[in-house]
Amino acid sequence: MDRRPLYAATASIVGYSIGPVLVQVSGAAAPVFAFWRGWLTILAIVAGSAALRRFSLRWPKGREWWPPVVAGCLNGASTMAFIQAVKLTSVAGTSLILLLNPVLIALWAIPLFGERPGIRFRLWTLVAVIGASVVVLGSSSGPSGHPGGVALAVLSVLLLSTQFVVTKVGRRTLDTVPLHVATVFSGAVFVTMFGLVTGHDFGEITRTDFLCVLGVVALPSTTSALLLTWSLRWLPANIPPLIHLPIPFFAGAIAWVLLGEMMTLSHLLGGGVTVVGVAAALLSRSGRRLLDAGSVPGPPAEPAP
């Protein structure tokens, strides 16, 4: 197997680790933040594609539209639920529930992609999940148990896992940029309609909030999302959620550097266990077999960059 999709998915960790920190800094309401994130992401991707003149812009046709439309609506709802959950609980508490994502996607992957990882892969994935849980529980902010925040966090992870598998299905026929732009556009329309119905003023955003939005647009919403979306054409569905388990550890490290949040011994030990678990799962016999097999048959939808 060409390892470049694996490297691309791994590189996407950087942006996704910075995203929660920027959301925590921002004081904007969830629909307002998601509104600006969505429309500015579309502008950034279209402008970048036009400037580079390297990406295929064959737009979806007929039934090809359903994956980006469904994934976009799921993404918009998941983003708003995640932001509001962070505000009601904490980054730590929300991240703890989001660790269920690999489990949910593993269940999705059986009927949709026929993936059945071996026992060693699953056991090492469990080790990585335990390590990530230690990171979150040992966070300086600590998880809090606001019922509404917990419910929104659970809703967010359910929507996120569904969006992931729908996006992977879309990558069977669609190129990276058209799929991602159509997805973000659908999500932006969904968020805009939700914000208008609920009476939110999209102009209520401070300079700090807007800078946080720009950071999210530049890193997780554009760079990381494009890397991950491109890799999904070749990577098995179980691999990206596994690779992303160290995100709470890296997000905590970034918050320590940028926001002065305390790094605890639990954070360091849990992060080490997570990284070891991820590496061992990928290097196990069942992990290598899963990587070599992939999960989407046929020729690639586009040439590897």
C-alpha atoms as a PDB file:
ATOM      1  CA  MET A   1       0.000   0.000   0.000  1.00  0.00           C
ATOM      2  CA  ASP A   2       1.114   3.545  -0.771  1.00  0.00           C
ATOM      3  CA  ARG A   3       1.789   5.041   2.660  1.00  0.00           C
ATOM      4  CA  ARG A   4       1.130   8.649   1.610  1.00  0.00           C
ATOM      5  CA  PRO A   5      -2.577   8.529   2.607  1.00  0.00           C
ATOM      6  CA  LEU A   6      -1.472   7.333   6.052  1.00  0.00           C
ATOM      7  CA  TYR A   7       0.994  10.211   6.321  1.00  0.00           C
ATOM      8  CA  ALA A   8      -1.654  12.702   5.166  1.00  0.00           C
ATOM      9  CA  ALA A   9      -4.145  11.522   7.802  1.00  0.00           C
ATOM     10  CA  THR A  10      -1.406  11.713  10.443  1.00  0.00           C
ATOM     11  CA  ALA A  11      -0.452  15.251   9.409  1.00  0.00           C
ATOM     12  CA  SER A  12      -4.088  16.334   9.819  1.00  0.00           C
ATOM     13  CA  ILE A  13      -3.648  15.874  13.588  1.00  0.00           C
ATOM     14  CA  VAL A  14      -1.859  19.236  13.815  1.00  0.00           C
ATOM     15  CA  GLY A  15      -4.821  21.338  12.731  1.00  0.00           C
ATOM     16  CA  TYR A  16      -7.387  19.258  14.589  1.00  0.00           C
ATOM     17  CA  SER A  17      -5.360  19.646  17.801  1.00  0.00           C
ATOM     18  CA  ILE A  18      -5.325  23.442  17.518  1.00  0.00           C
ATOM     19  CA  GLY A  19      -9.050  23.707  16.758  1.00  0.00           C
ATOM     20  CA  PRO A  20     -10.387  22.977  20.291  1.00  0.00           C
ATOM     21  CA  VAL A  21      -7.967  25.519  21.786  1.00  0.00           C
ATOM     22  CA  LEU A  22      -9.237  28.254  19.443  1.00  0.00           C
ATOM     23  CA  VAL A  23     -12.855  27.327  20.185  1.00  0.00           C
ATOM     24  CA  GLN A  24     -12.121  27.580  23.904  1.00  0.00           C
ATOM     25  CA  VAL A  25     -10.611  31.067  23.485  1.00  0.00           C
ATOM     26  CA  SER A  26     -13.526  32.363  21.428  1.00  0.00           C
ATOM     27  CA  GLY A  27     -16.613  33.701  23.168  1.00  0.00           C
ATOM     28  CA  ALA A  28     -18.839  33.666  20.070  1.00  0.00           C
ATOM     29  CA  ALA A  29     -22.101  31.715  20.111  1.00  0.00           C
ATOM     30  CA  ALA A  30     -21.924  28.296  18.447  1.00  0.00           C
ATOM     31  CA  PRO A  31     -24.076  29.179  15.377  1.00  0.00           C
ATOM     32  CA  VAL A  32     -22.178  32.456  14.870  1.00  0.00           C
ATOM     33  CA  PHE A  33     -18.778  30.770  15.063  1.00  0.00           C
ATOM     34  CA  ALA A  34     -19.916  27.929  12.768  1.00  0.00           C
ATOM     35  CA  PHE A  35     -21.452  30.414  10.304  1.00  0.00           C
ATOM     36  CA  TRP A  36     -18.225  32.344   9.774  1.00  0.00           C
ATOM     37  CA  ARG A  37     -16.150  29.166   9.780  1.00  0.00           C
ATOM     38  CA  GLY A  38     -18.239  27.603   7.022  1.00  0.00           C
ATOM     39  CA  TRP A  39     -18.449  30.487   4.553  1.00  0.00           C
ATOM     40  CA  LEU A  40     -14.830  31.588   5.044  1.00  0.00           C
ATOM     41  CA  THR A  41     -13.663  27.987   4.542  1.00  0.00           C
ATOM     42  CA  ILE A  42     -15.422  27.868   1.162  1.00  0.00           C
ATOM     43  CA  LEU A  43     -13.828  31.176   0.190  1.00  0.00           C
ATOM     44  CA  ALA A  44     -10.366  29.964   1.254  1.00  0.00           C
ATOM     45  CA  ILE A  45     -10.589  26.652  -0.630  1.00  0.00           C
ATOM     46  CA  VAL A  46     -11.976  28.135  -3.844  1.00  0.00           C
ATOM     47  CA  ALA A  47      -9.376  30.922  -3.805  1.00  0.00           C
ATOM     48  CA  GLY A  48      -6.576  28.460  -3.121  1.00  0.00           C
ATOM     49  CA  SER A  49      -7.731  26.087  -5.857  1.00  0.00           C
ATOM     50  CA  ALA A  50      -7.937  28.921  -8.364  1.00  0.00           C
ATOM     51  CA  ALA A  51      -4.486  30.171  -7.423  1.00  0.00           C
ATOM     52  CA  LEU A  52      -2.805  26.755  -7.588  1.00  0.00           C
ATOM     53  CA  ARG A  53      -4.739  25.514 -10.634  1.00  0.00           C
ATOM     54  CA  ARG A  54      -3.926  21.958  -9.604  1.00  0.00           C
ATOM     55  CA  PHE A  55      -7.152  20.534  -8.274  1.00  0.00           C
ATOM     56  CA  SER A  56      -9.858  18.836 -10.293  1.00  0.00           C
ATOM     57  CA  LEU A  57     -13.148  20.688  -9.965  1.00  0.00           C
ATOM     58  CA  ARG A  58     -15.529  18.104 -11.401  1.00  0.00           C
ATOM     59  CA  TRP A  59     -18.614  18.804  -9.384  1.00  0.00           C
ATOM     60  CA  PRO A  60     -21.020  16.090  -8.195  1.00  0.00           C
ATOM     61  CA  LYS A  61     -23.731  14.975 -10.593  1.00  0.00           C
ATOM     62  CA  GLY A  62     -27.034  13.257  -9.895  1.00  0.00           C
ATOM     63  CA  ARG A  63     -26.851  10.881  -6.941  1.00  0.00           C
ATOM     64  CA  GLU A  64     -23.260  11.941  -6.257  1.00  0.00           C
ATOM     65  CA  TRP A  65     -24.682  14.961  -4.458  1.00  0.00           C
ATOM     66  CA  TRP A  66     -26.187  13.031  -1.563  1.00  0.00           C
ATOM     67  CA  PRO A  67     -22.926  12.260   0.347  1.00  0.00           C
ATOM     68  CA  PRO A  68     -21.691  15.881   0.534  1.00  0.00           C
ATOM     69  CA  VAL A  69     -25.166  17.233   1.307  1.00  0.00           C
ATOM     70  CA  VAL A  70     -25.773  14.722   4.102  1.00  0.00           C
ATOM     71  CA  ALA A  71     -22.187  15.006   5.404  1.00  0.00           C
ATOM     72  CA  GLY A  72     -22.419  18.814   5.331  1.00  0.00           C
ATOM     73  CA  CYS A  73     -25.607  18.942   7.381  1.00  0.00           C
ATOM     74  CA  LEU A  74     -24.159  16.437   9.837  1.00  0.00           C
ATOM     75  CA  ASN A  75     -20.954  18.478  10.074  1.00  0.00           C
ATOM     76  CA  GLY A  76     -22.821  21.735  10.690  1.00  0.00           C
ATOM     77  CA  ALA A  77     -24.943  20.187  13.433  1.00  0.00           C
ATOM     78  CA  SER A  78     -21.949  18.371  14.961  1.00  0.00           C
ATOM     79  CA  THR A  79     -19.847  21.546  15.007  1.00  0.00           C
ATOM     80  CA  MET A  80     -22.526  23.575  16.783  1.00  0.00           C
ATOM     81  CA  ALA A  81     -23.146  20.775  19.281  1.00  0.00           C
ATOM     82  CA  PHE A  82     -19.410  20.471  20.002  1.00  0.00           C
ATOM     83  CA  ILE A  83     -18.904  24.219  20.501  1.00  0.00           C
ATOM     84  CA  GLN A  84     -21.899  24.508  22.815  1.00  0.00           C
ATOM     85  CA  ALA A  85     -20.823  21.390  24.725  1.00  0.00           C
ATOM     86  CA  VAL A  86     -17.397  22.945  25.333  1.00  0.00           C
ATOM     87  CA  LYS A  87     -19.048  26.104  26.656  1.00  0.00           C
ATOM     88  CA  LEU A  88     -21.384  24.179  28.983  1.00  0.00           C
ATOM     89  CA  THR A  89     -18.820  21.654  30.211  1.00  0.00           C
ATOM     90  CA  SER A  90     -15.151  21.915  29.205  1.00  0.00           C
ATOM     91  CA  VAL A  91     -12.796  20.870  26.439  1.00  0.00           C
ATOM     92  CA  ALA A  92     -11.777  17.959  28.663  1.00  0.00           C
ATOM     93  CA  GLY A  93     -15.301  16.735  29.282  1.00  0.00           C
ATOM     94  CA  THR A  94     -16.298  17.007  25.632  1.00  0.00           C
ATOM     95  CA  SER A  95     -13.107  15.332  24.414  1.00  0.00           C
ATOM     96  CA  LEU A  96     -13.684  12.408  26.777  1.00  0.00           C
ATOM     97  CA  ILE A  97     -17.000  11.606  25.096  1.00  0.00           C
ATOM     98  CA  LEU A  98     -15.559  12.136  21.603  1.00  0.00           C
ATOM     99  CA  LEU A  99     -13.189   9.238  22.311  1.00  0.00           C
ATOM    100  CA  LEU A 100     -16.150   6.997  21.508  1.00  0.00           C
ATOM    101  CA  ASN A 101     -15.691   7.938  17.848  1.00  0.00           C
ATOM    102  CA  PRO A 102     -13.333   5.001  16.975  1.00  0.00           C
ATOM    103  CA  VAL A 103     -15.799   2.546  18.513  1.00  0.00           C
ATOM    104  CA  LEU A 104     -18.771   3.927  16.594  1.00  0.00           C
ATOM    105  CA  ILE A 105     -16.877   4.045  13.299  1.00  0.00           C
ATOM    106  CA  ALA A 106     -15.660   0.478  13.818  1.00  0.00           C
ATOM    107  CA  LEU A 107     -19.317  -0.578  14.031  1.00  0.00           C
ATOM    108  CA  TRP A 108     -20.171   1.394  10.880  1.00  0.00           C
ATOM    109  CA  ALA A 109     -17.223  -0.115   9.012  1.00  0.00           C
ATOM    110  CA  ILE A 110     -18.473  -3.701   9.298  1.00  0.00           C
ATOM    111  CA  PRO A 111     -21.643  -3.411   7.160  1.00  0.00           C
ATOM    112  CA  LEU A 112     -20.489  -0.547   4.914  1.00  0.00           C
ATOM    113  CA  PHE A 113     -16.889  -1.500   4.119  1.00  0.00           C
ATOM    114  CA  GLY A 114     -16.571  -5.090   5.291  1.00  0.00           C
ATOM    115  CA  GLU A 115     -13.742  -4.234   7.697  1.00  0.00           C
ATOM    116  CA  ARG A 116     -13.106  -6.702  10.518  1.00  0.00           C
ATOM    117  CA  PRO A 117      -9.783  -5.829  12.198  1.00  0.00           C
ATOM    118  CA  GLY A 118      -7.996  -8.587  14.123  1.00  0.00           C
ATOM    119  CA  ILE A 119      -7.977  -8.945  17.873  1.00  0.00           C
ATOM    120  CA  ARG A 120      -4.517  -7.360  18.328  1.00  0.00           C
ATOM    121  CA  PHE A 121      -5.560  -4.255  16.423  1.00  0.00           C
ATOM    122  CA  ARG A 122      -8.663  -3.932  18.603  1.00  0.00           C
ATOM    123  CA  LEU A 123      -6.761  -4.515  21.845  1.00  0.00           C
ATOM    124  CA  TRP A 124      -4.101  -1.937  21.032  1.00  0.00           C
ATOM    125  CA  THR A 125      -6.849   0.480  19.980  1.00  0.00           C
ATOM    126  CA  LEU A 126      -8.394  -0.055  23.417  1.00  0.00           C
ATOM    127  CA  VAL A 127      -5.022   0.735  25.007  1.00  0.00           C
ATOM    128  CA  ALA A 128      -4.849   3.966  22.991  1.00  0.00           C
ATOM    129  CA  VAL A 129      -8.410   4.898  24.039  1.00  0.00           C
ATOM    130  CA  ILE A 130      -7.525   4.282  27.703  1.00  0.00           C
ATOM    131  CA  GLY A 131      -4.416   6.455  27.350  1.00  0.00           C
ATOM    132  CA  ALA A 132      -6.431   9.252  25.748  1.00  0.00           C
ATOM    133  CA  SER A 133      -9.002   8.964  28.554  1.00  0.00           C
ATOM    134  CA  VAL A 134      -6.223   9.413  31.126  1.00  0.00           C
ATOM    135  CA  VAL A 135      -5.103  12.545  29.247  1.00  0.00           C
ATOM    136  CA  VAL A 136      -8.603  14.016  29.331  1.00  0.00           C
ATOM    137  CA  LEU A 137      -9.325  13.090  32.946  1.00  0.00           C
ATOM    138  CA  GLY A 138      -5.969  14.529  33.996  1.00  0.00           C
ATOM    139  CA  SER A 139      -6.509  17.792  32.132  1.00  0.00           C
ATOM    140  CA  SER A 140      -6.091  20.953  34.181  1.00  0.00           C
ATOM    141  CA  SER A 141      -9.588  22.109  33.185  1.00  0.00           C
ATOM    142  CA  GLY A 142     -11.078  18.763  34.183  1.00  0.00           C
ATOM    143  CA  PRO A 143     -14.282  17.299  32.824  1.00  0.00           C
ATOM    144  CA  SER A 144     -17.492  18.690  34.256  1.00  0.00           C
ATOM    145  CA  GLY A 145     -20.882  17.037  34.181  1.00  0.00           C
ATOM    146  CA  HIS A 146     -23.441  19.621  33.016  1.00  0.00           C
ATOM    147  CA  PRO A 147     -26.316  17.417  31.743  1.00  0.00           C
ATOM    148  CA  GLY A 148     -26.990  19.597  28.714  1.00  0.00           C
ATOM    149  CA  GLY A 149     -23.307  19.717  27.798  1.00  0.00           C
ATOM    150  CA  VAL A 150     -22.928  15.953  28.135  1.00  0.00           C
ATOM    151  CA  ALA A 151     -25.994  15.385  25.949  1.00  0.00           C
ATOM    152  CA  LEU A 152     -24.653  17.749  23.289  1.00  0.00           C
ATOM    153  CA  ALA A 153     -21.248  16.036  23.385  1.00  0.00           C
ATOM    154  CA  VAL A 154     -22.891  12.638  22.853  1.00  0.00           C
ATOM    155  CA  LEU A 155     -24.957  14.078  19.998  1.00  0.00           C
ATOM    156  CA  SER A 156     -21.803  15.584  18.488  1.00  0.00           C
ATOM    157  CA  VAL A 157     -19.906  12.280  18.418  1.00  0.00           C
ATOM    158  CA  LEU A 158     -22.900  10.435  16.921  1.00  0.00           C
ATOM    159  CA  LEU A 159     -23.177  13.028  14.152  1.00  0.00           C
ATOM    160  CA  LEU A 160     -19.413  13.111  13.630  1.00  0.00           C
ATOM    161  CA  SER A 161     -19.064   9.350  13.194  1.00  0.00           C
ATOM    162  CA  THR A 162     -21.966   9.290  10.734  1.00  0.00           C
ATOM    163  CA  GLN A 163     -20.472  12.186   8.779  1.00  0.00           C
ATOM    164  CA  PHE A 164     -17.145  10.371   8.590  1.00  0.00           C
ATOM    165  CA  VAL A 165     -18.544   7.231   6.989  1.00  0.00           C
ATOM    166  CA  VAL A 166     -20.752   9.237   4.595  1.00  0.00           C
ATOM    167  CA  THR A 167     -17.697  11.228   3.485  1.00  0.00           C
ATOM    168  CA  LYS A 168     -15.750   8.016   2.925  1.00  0.00           C
ATOM    169  CA  VAL A 169     -18.581   6.675   0.777  1.00  0.00           C
ATOM    170  CA  GLY A 170     -18.479   9.921  -1.220  1.00  0.00           C
ATOM    171  CA  ARG A 171     -14.753   9.494  -1.880  1.00  0.00           C
ATOM    172  CA  ARG A 172     -15.505   6.404  -3.964  1.00  0.00           C
ATOM    173  CA  THR A 173     -16.519   8.652  -6.866  1.00  0.00           C
ATOM    174  CA  LEU A 174     -15.706  12.262  -5.954  1.00  0.00           C
ATOM    175  CA  ASP A 175     -12.378  14.086  -5.897  1.00  0.00           C
ATOM    176  CA  THR A 176     -11.142  15.761  -2.729  1.00  0.00           C
ATOM    177  CA  VAL A 177     -11.816  19.451  -3.363  1.00  0.00           C
ATOM    178  CA  PRO A 178     -15.288  19.174  -4.961  1.00  0.00           C
ATOM    179  CA  LEU A 179     -16.407  16.808  -2.195  1.00  0.00           C
ATOM    180  CA  HIS A 180     -15.076  19.009   0.588  1.00  0.00           C
ATOM    181  CA  VAL A 181     -16.394  22.281  -0.881  1.00  0.00           C
ATOM    182  CA  ALA A 182     -19.848  20.764  -1.462  1.00  0.00           C
ATOM    183  CA  THR A 183     -19.819  19.370   2.079  1.00  0.00           C
ATOM    184  CA  VAL A 184     -18.788  22.677   3.658  1.00  0.00           C
ATOM    185  CA  PHE A 185     -21.337  24.565   1.534  1.00  0.00           C
ATOM    186  CA  SER A 186     -24.143  22.259   2.669  1.00  0.00           C
ATOM    187  CA  GLY A 187     -23.027  22.668   6.264  1.00  0.00           C
ATOM    188  CA  ALA A 188     -22.829  26.465   5.946  1.00  0.00           C
ATOM    189  CA  VAL A 189     -26.356  26.628   4.530  1.00  0.00           C
ATOM    190  CA  PHE A 190     -27.618  24.407   7.367  1.00  0.00           C
ATOM    191  CA  VAL A 191     -25.914  26.550  10.025  1.00  0.00           C
ATOM    192  CA  THR A 192     -27.156  29.780   8.430  1.00  0.00           C
ATOM    193  CA  MET A 193     -30.761  28.577   8.388  1.00  0.00           C
ATOM    194  CA  PHE A 194     -30.463  27.338  11.968  1.00  0.00           C
ATOM    195  CA  GLY A 195     -28.994  30.665  13.103  1.00  0.00           C
ATOM    196  CA  LEU A 196     -31.722  32.682  11.389  1.00  0.00           C
ATOM    197  CA  VAL A 197     -34.502  30.523  12.823  1.00  0.00           C
ATOM    198  CA  THR A 198     -33.075  30.749  16.348  1.00  0.00           C
ATOM    199  CA  GLY A 199     -32.580  34.528  16.088  1.00  0.00           C
ATOM    200  CA  HIS A 200     -28.780  34.734  16.241  1.00  0.00           C
ATOM    201  CA  ASP A 201     -27.030  37.867  14.998  1.00  0.00           C
ATOM    202  CA  PHE A 202     -24.070  36.805  12.842  1.00  0.00           C
ATOM    203  CA  GLY A 203     -22.539  40.252  13.324  1.00  0.00           C
ATOM    204  CA  GLU A 204     -22.082  39.647  17.046  1.00  0.00           C
ATOM    205  CA  ILE A 205     -18.451  38.643  16.843  1.00  0.00           C
ATOM    206  CA  THR A 206     -15.443  40.343  18.409  1.00  0.00           C
ATOM    207  CA  ARG A 207     -12.007  40.781  16.892  1.00  0.00           C
ATOM    208  CA  THR A 208     -10.647  37.935  19.038  1.00  0.00           C
ATOM    209  CA  ASP A 209     -13.511  35.692  17.972  1.00  0.00           C
ATOM    210  CA  PHE A 210     -12.870  36.477  14.310  1.00  0.00           C
ATOM    211  CA  LEU A 211      -9.156  35.718  14.650  1.00  0.00           C
ATOM    212  CA  CYS A 212     -10.052  32.378  16.243  1.00  0.00           C
ATOM    213  CA  VAL A 213     -12.388  31.655  13.339  1.00  0.00           C
ATOM    214  CA  LEU A 214      -9.608  32.469  10.860  1.00  0.00           C
ATOM    215  CA  GLY A 215      -7.301  30.077  12.694  1.00  0.00           C
ATOM    216  CA  VAL A 216      -9.896  27.311  12.514  1.00  0.00           C
ATOM    217  CA  VAL A 217     -10.471  28.035   8.816  1.00  0.00           C
ATOM    218  CA  ALA A 218      -6.766  27.931   7.981  1.00  0.00           C
ATOM    219  CA  LEU A 219      -5.924  24.779   9.930  1.00  0.00           C
ATOM    220  CA  PRO A 220      -8.618  22.228  10.843  1.00  0.00           C
ATOM    221  CA  SER A 221     -11.339  23.319   8.385  1.00  0.00           C
ATOM    222  CA  THR A 222      -9.104  23.639   5.328  1.00  0.00           C
ATOM    223  CA  THR A 223      -5.631  22.096   5.631  1.00  0.00           C
ATOM    224  CA  SER A 224      -6.436  19.186   7.967  1.00  0.00           C
ATOM    225  CA  ALA A 225      -9.849  18.489   6.439  1.00  0.00           C
ATOM    226  CA  LEU A 226      -8.432  18.334   2.903  1.00  0.00           C
ATOM    227  CA  LEU A 227      -5.625  16.018   3.997  1.00  0.00           C
ATOM    228  CA  LEU A 228      -8.057  13.704   5.770  1.00  0.00           C
ATOM    229  CA  THR A 229     -10.639  13.758   2.964  1.00  0.00           C
ATOM    230  CA  TRP A 230      -7.987  12.934   0.374  1.00  0.00           C
ATOM    231  CA  SER A 231      -6.687  10.017   2.441  1.00  0.00           C
ATOM    232  CA  LEU A 232     -10.135   8.454   2.878  1.00  0.00           C
ATOM    233  CA  ARG A 233     -10.118   7.152  -0.693  1.00  0.00           C
ATOM    234  CA  TRP A 234      -7.466   4.605   0.273  1.00  0.00           C
ATOM    235  CA  LEU A 235      -7.400   4.249   4.070  1.00  0.00           C
ATOM    236  CA  PRO A 236      -9.661   1.757   5.853  1.00  0.00           C
ATOM    237  CA  ALA A 237     -12.362   3.469   7.925  1.00  0.00           C
ATOM    238  CA  ASN A 238     -10.851   2.196  11.208  1.00  0.00           C
ATOM    239  CA  ILE A 239      -7.475   3.902  10.683  1.00  0.00           C
ATOM    240  CA  PRO A 240      -8.144   7.707  10.842  1.00  0.00           C
ATOM    241  CA  PRO A 241     -10.079   7.582  14.163  1.00  0.00           C
ATOM    242  CA  LEU A 242      -7.232   5.546  15.643  1.00  0.00           C
ATOM    243  CA  ILE A 243      -4.591   7.987  14.403  1.00  0.00           C
ATOM    244  CA  HIS A 244      -6.562  10.913  15.855  1.00  0.00           C
ATOM    245  CA  LEU A 245      -6.720   9.515  19.404  1.00  0.00           C
ATOM    246  CA  PRO A 246      -3.615  11.526  20.499  1.00  0.00           C
ATOM    247  CA  ILE A 247      -5.404  14.801  19.615  1.00  0.00           C
ATOM    248  CA  PRO A 248      -6.433  15.531  23.267  1.00  0.00           C
ATOM    249  CA  PHE A 249      -2.787  15.107  24.288  1.00  0.00           C
ATOM    250  CA  PHE A 250      -1.499  17.462  21.583  1.00  0.00           C
ATOM    251  CA  ALA A 251      -4.348  19.937  22.183  1.00  0.00           C
ATOM    252  CA  GLY A 252      -3.399  20.031  25.876  1.00  0.00           C
ATOM    253  CA  ALA A 253       0.239  20.621  24.981  1.00  0.00           C
ATOM    254  CA  ILE A 254      -0.732  23.485  22.668  1.00  0.00           C
ATOM    255  CA  ALA A 255      -2.948  24.995  25.389  1.00  0.00           C
ATOM    256  CA  TRP A 256       0.023  24.751  27.770  1.00  0.00           C
ATOM    257  CA  VAL A 257       2.237  26.650  25.322  1.00  0.00           C
ATOM    258  CA  LEU A 258      -0.282  29.253  24.124  1.00  0.00           C
ATOM    259  CA  LEU A 259      -2.657  29.653  27.081  1.00  0.00           C
ATOM    260  CA  GLY A 260      -0.425  28.734  29.998  1.00  0.00           C
ATOM    261  CA  GLU A 261      -2.623  25.815  31.081  1.00  0.00           C
ATOM    262  CA  MET A 262      -0.955  23.363  33.448  1.00  0.00           C
ATOM    263  CA  MET A 263       0.485  20.088  32.148  1.00  0.00           C
ATOM    264  CA  THR A 264      -0.053  17.239  34.622  1.00  0.00           C
ATOM    265  CA  LEU A 265       1.760  13.939  35.067  1.00  0.00           C
ATOM    266  CA  SER A 266      -1.439  12.143  34.026  1.00  0.00           C
ATOM    267  CA  HIS A 267      -1.418  14.160  30.819  1.00  0.00           C
ATOM    268  CA  LEU A 268       2.124  13.084  29.996  1.00  0.00           C
ATOM    269  CA  LEU A 269       1.696   9.423  30.972  1.00  0.00           C
ATOM    270  CA  GLY A 270      -1.646   9.139  29.201  1.00  0.00           C
ATOM    271  CA  GLY A 271      -0.224  10.754  26.087  1.00  0.00           C
ATOM    272  CA  GLY A 272       2.646   8.280  26.054  1.00  0.00           C
ATOM    273  CA  VAL A 273       0.268   5.322  26.435  1.00  0.00           C
ATOM    274  CA  THR A 274      -1.911   6.679  23.622  1.00  0.00           C
ATOM    275  CA  VAL A 275       0.979   7.071  21.196  1.00  0.00           C
ATOM    276  CA  VAL A 276       2.278   3.576  22.024  1.00  0.00           C
ATOM    277  CA  GLY A 277      -1.198   2.097  21.557  1.00  0.00           C
ATOM    278  CA  VAL A 278      -1.686   3.774  18.187  1.00  0.00           C
ATOM    279  CA  ALA A 279       1.747   2.732  16.928  1.00  0.00           C
ATOM    280  CA  ALA A 280       1.339  -0.852  18.158  1.00  0.00           C
ATOM    281  CA  ALA A 281      -2.104  -1.154  16.535  1.00  0.00           C
ATOM    282  CA  LEU A 282      -0.760   0.055  13.189  1.00  0.00           C
ATOM    283  CA  LEU A 283       2.309  -2.195  13.373  1.00  0.00           C
ATOM    284  CA  SER A 284       0.447  -5.297  14.511  1.00  0.00           C
ATOM    285  CA  ARG A 285      -0.098  -8.075  11.999  1.00  0.00           C
ATOM    286  CA  SER A 286      -3.810  -7.317  11.748  1.00  0.00           C
ATOM    287  CA  GLY A 287      -3.090  -3.585  11.475  1.00  0.00           C
ATOM    288  CA  ARG A 288      -0.647  -4.081   8.611  1.00  0.00           C
ATOM    289  CA  ARG A 289      -3.080  -6.435   6.906  1.00  0.00           C
ATOM    290  CA  LEU A 290      -5.839  -3.844   7.244  1.00  0.00           C
ATOM    291  CA  LEU A 291      -3.623  -1.119   5.801  1.00  0.00           C
ATOM    292  CA  ASP A 292      -2.459  -3.272   2.900  1.00  0.00           C
ATOM    293  CA  ALA A 293      -6.013  -4.314   2.027  1.00  0.00           C
ATOM    294  CA  GLY A 294      -7.606  -0.876   2.188  1.00  0.00           C
ATOM    295  CA  SER A 295     -11.383  -0.870   1.941  1.00  0.00           C
ATOM    296  CA  VAL A 296     -12.383   0.764  -1.345  1.00  0.00           C
ATOM    297  CA  PRO A 297     -11.806  -1.412  -4.428  1.00  0.00           C
ATOM    298  CA  GLY A 298     -11.012  -0.184  -7.909  1.00  0.00           C
ATOM    299  CA  PRO A 299      -8.670   2.457  -9.330  1.00  0.00           C
ATOM    300  CA  PRO A 300      -8.169   5.670  -7.379  1.00  0.00           C
ATOM    301  CA  ALA A 301     -10.553   8.519  -8.072  1.00  0.00           C
ATOM    302  CA  GLU A 302      -7.597  10.836  -8.616  1.00  0.00           C
ATOM    303  CA  PRO A 303      -3.812  10.528  -8.822  1.00  0.00           C
ATOM    304  CA  ALA A 304      -1.890  10.707  -5.568  1.00  0.00           C
ATOM    305  CA  PRO A 305      -0.269  14.125  -5.026  1.00  0.00           C
END
